[in-house]
Amino acid sequence: MFMTTRSEKRFPLIECNYHSATLSGYRSRCAKPTAPSFLNISRPYFQKEARQDFFGEAILFAILVVAATVPMVSGAYAIIQLCRAFGAL
């Protein structure tokens, strides 16, 4: 530990010849996005290709909904029967 008086305090040396860097080609305007938006990318797909596959996919979706509904109805019926069986005890 150093014991110094007020007049003996040392401050760090400062470089007085510092110059900030300049960017010659820099302009302070906002940058515009160069990539096209998602809507512009997907628009041709939905105009041409998606229309051809829509009906086939809609039919397949309906078949899947029916196939998923049948086991749910069957399970609900089984739970109702189980509740009736426990109620009869």
C-alpha atoms as a PDB file:
ATOM      1  CA  MET A   1       0.000   0.000   0.000  1.00  0.00           C
ATOM      2  CA  PHE A   2       1.369   3.350  -0.976  1.00  0.00           C
ATOM      3  CA  MET A   3       0.958   6.356   1.193  1.00  0.00           C
ATOM      4  CA  THR A   4       0.823   9.429  -1.003  1.00  0.00           C
ATOM      5  CA  THR A   5      -0.214  12.944  -0.391  1.00  0.00           C
ATOM      6  CA  ARG A   6      -2.707  14.802  -2.491  1.00  0.00           C
ATOM      7  CA  SER A   7      -0.065  16.500  -4.623  1.00  0.00           C
ATOM      8  CA  GLU A   8       1.711  13.221  -5.391  1.00  0.00           C
ATOM      9  CA  LYS A   9      -1.237  11.344  -6.949  1.00  0.00           C
ATOM     10  CA  ARG A  10      -0.440   9.959 -10.375  1.00  0.00           C
ATOM     11  CA  PHE A  11      -2.929   9.867 -13.206  1.00  0.00           C
ATOM     12  CA  PRO A  12      -2.626   7.609 -16.262  1.00  0.00           C
ATOM     13  CA  LEU A  13      -0.948   9.057 -19.306  1.00  0.00           C
ATOM     14  CA  ILE A  14      -3.354  10.111 -22.040  1.00  0.00           C
ATOM     15  CA  GLU A  15      -2.488  10.022 -25.710  1.00  0.00           C
ATOM     16  CA  CYS A  16      -3.467  13.419 -27.038  1.00  0.00           C
ATOM     17  CA  ASN A  17      -2.883  12.617 -30.722  1.00  0.00           C
ATOM     18  CA  TYR A  18      -5.860  10.254 -31.087  1.00  0.00           C
ATOM     19  CA  HIS A  19      -7.907  10.687 -34.269  1.00  0.00           C
ATOM     20  CA  SER A  20     -11.098   8.771 -34.935  1.00  0.00           C
ATOM     21  CA  ALA A  21     -11.323   6.706 -38.098  1.00  0.00           C
ATOM     22  CA  THR A  22     -13.398   8.063 -40.960  1.00  0.00           C
ATOM     23  CA  LEU A  23     -15.516   5.934 -43.247  1.00  0.00           C
ATOM     24  CA  SER A  24     -15.306   7.423 -46.702  1.00  0.00           C
ATOM     25  CA  GLY A  25     -18.214   5.558 -48.298  1.00  0.00           C
ATOM     26  CA  TYR A  26     -20.590   5.758 -45.353  1.00  0.00           C
ATOM     27  CA  ARG A  27     -23.937   7.480 -45.771  1.00  0.00           C
ATOM     28  CA  SER A  28     -26.334   7.674 -42.859  1.00  0.00           C
ATOM     29  CA  ARG A  29     -29.520   6.585 -44.634  1.00  0.00           C
ATOM     30  CA  CYS A  30     -31.567   3.552 -43.774  1.00  0.00           C
ATOM     31  CA  ALA A  31     -30.747   0.361 -45.598  1.00  0.00           C
ATOM     32  CA  LYS A  32     -33.456  -1.132 -47.779  1.00  0.00           C
ATOM     33  CA  PRO A  33     -33.933  -4.900 -47.607  1.00  0.00           C
ATOM     34  CA  THR A  34     -32.589  -6.531 -50.740  1.00  0.00           C
ATOM     35  CA  ALA A  35     -34.217  -9.916 -50.215  1.00  0.00           C
ATOM     36  CA  PRO A  36     -37.785 -10.275 -51.512  1.00  0.00           C
ATOM     37  CA  SER A  37     -40.517 -10.717 -48.943  1.00  0.00           C
ATOM     38  CA  PHE A  38     -42.041 -14.113 -48.181  1.00  0.00           C
ATOM     39  CA  LEU A  39     -45.257 -13.133 -49.943  1.00  0.00           C
ATOM     40  CA  ASN A  40     -43.384 -12.323 -53.144  1.00  0.00           C
ATOM     41  CA  ILE A  41     -41.548 -15.638 -52.989  1.00  0.00           C
ATOM     42  CA  SER A  42     -44.674 -17.744 -52.403  1.00  0.00           C
ATOM     43  CA  ARG A  43     -47.075 -15.914 -54.734  1.00  0.00           C
ATOM     44  CA  PRO A  44     -46.136 -17.849 -57.932  1.00  0.00           C
ATOM     45  CA  TYR A  45     -46.452 -21.154 -56.073  1.00  0.00           C
ATOM     46  CA  PHE A  46     -49.967 -20.393 -54.876  1.00  0.00           C
ATOM     47  CA  GLN A  47     -51.015 -19.097 -58.307  1.00  0.00           C
ATOM     48  CA  LYS A  48     -49.870 -22.144 -60.292  1.00  0.00           C
ATOM     49  CA  GLU A  49     -48.874 -25.261 -58.388  1.00  0.00           C
ATOM     50  CA  ALA A  50     -51.066 -25.133 -55.288  1.00  0.00           C
ATOM     51  CA  ARG A  51     -54.298 -24.995 -57.290  1.00  0.00           C
ATOM     52  CA  GLN A  52     -53.540 -28.287 -59.043  1.00  0.00           C
ATOM     53  CA  ASP A  53     -53.031 -30.202 -55.795  1.00  0.00           C
ATOM     54  CA  PHE A  54     -55.800 -28.599 -53.715  1.00  0.00           C
ATOM     55  CA  PHE A  55     -58.631 -31.017 -54.474  1.00  0.00           C
ATOM     56  CA  GLY A  56     -56.541 -34.131 -53.967  1.00  0.00           C
ATOM     57  CA  GLU A  57     -55.203 -32.814 -50.677  1.00  0.00           C
ATOM     58  CA  ALA A  58     -58.705 -31.787 -49.531  1.00  0.00           C
ATOM     59  CA  ILE A  59     -60.010 -35.310 -50.155  1.00  0.00           C
ATOM     60  CA  LEU A  60     -57.044 -36.842 -48.330  1.00  0.00           C
ATOM     61  CA  PHE A  61     -57.613 -34.464 -45.402  1.00  0.00           C
ATOM     62  CA  ALA A  62     -61.290 -35.455 -45.205  1.00  0.00           C
ATOM     63  CA  ILE A  63     -60.336 -39.150 -45.152  1.00  0.00           C
ATOM     64  CA  LEU A  64     -57.848 -38.519 -42.342  1.00  0.00           C
ATOM     65  CA  VAL A  65     -60.436 -36.578 -40.316  1.00  0.00           C
ATOM     66  CA  VAL A  66     -62.946 -39.430 -40.648  1.00  0.00           C
ATOM     67  CA  ALA A  67     -60.271 -42.005 -39.788  1.00  0.00           C
ATOM     68  CA  ALA A  68     -59.329 -40.047 -36.652  1.00  0.00           C
ATOM     69  CA  THR A  69     -62.958 -39.443 -35.616  1.00  0.00           C
ATOM     70  CA  VAL A  70     -63.989 -43.117 -35.593  1.00  0.00           C
ATOM     71  CA  PRO A  71     -61.600 -44.177 -32.747  1.00  0.00           C
ATOM     72  CA  MET A  72     -62.498 -41.063 -30.739  1.00  0.00           C
ATOM     73  CA  VAL A  73     -66.219 -41.832 -30.916  1.00  0.00           C
ATOM     74  CA  SER A  74     -65.531 -45.447 -30.059  1.00  0.00           C
ATOM     75  CA  GLY A  75     -63.397 -44.407 -27.063  1.00  0.00           C
ATOM     76  CA  ALA A  76     -66.067 -41.993 -25.846  1.00  0.00           C
ATOM     77  CA  TYR A  77     -68.672 -44.745 -26.096  1.00  0.00           C
ATOM     78  CA  ALA A  78     -66.423 -47.088 -24.084  1.00  0.00           C
ATOM     79  CA  ILE A  79     -65.962 -44.457 -21.356  1.00  0.00           C
ATOM     80  CA  ILE A  80     -69.734 -43.942 -21.162  1.00  0.00           C
ATOM     81  CA  GLN A  81     -70.234 -47.704 -20.796  1.00  0.00           C
ATOM     82  CA  LEU A  82     -67.535 -47.820 -18.076  1.00  0.00           C
ATOM     83  CA  CYS A  83     -69.255 -45.018 -16.143  1.00  0.00           C
ATOM     84  CA  ARG A  84     -72.589 -46.863 -16.395  1.00  0.00           C
ATOM     85  CA  ALA A  85     -70.953 -50.059 -15.144  1.00  0.00           C
ATOM     86  CA  PHE A  86     -69.456 -48.277 -12.121  1.00  0.00           C
ATOM     87  CA  GLY A  87     -72.770 -46.544 -11.460  1.00  0.00           C
ATOM     88  CA  ALA A  88     -74.601 -49.882 -11.321  1.00  0.00           C
ATOM     89  CA  LEU A  89     -72.379 -51.193  -8.520  1.00  0.00           C
END
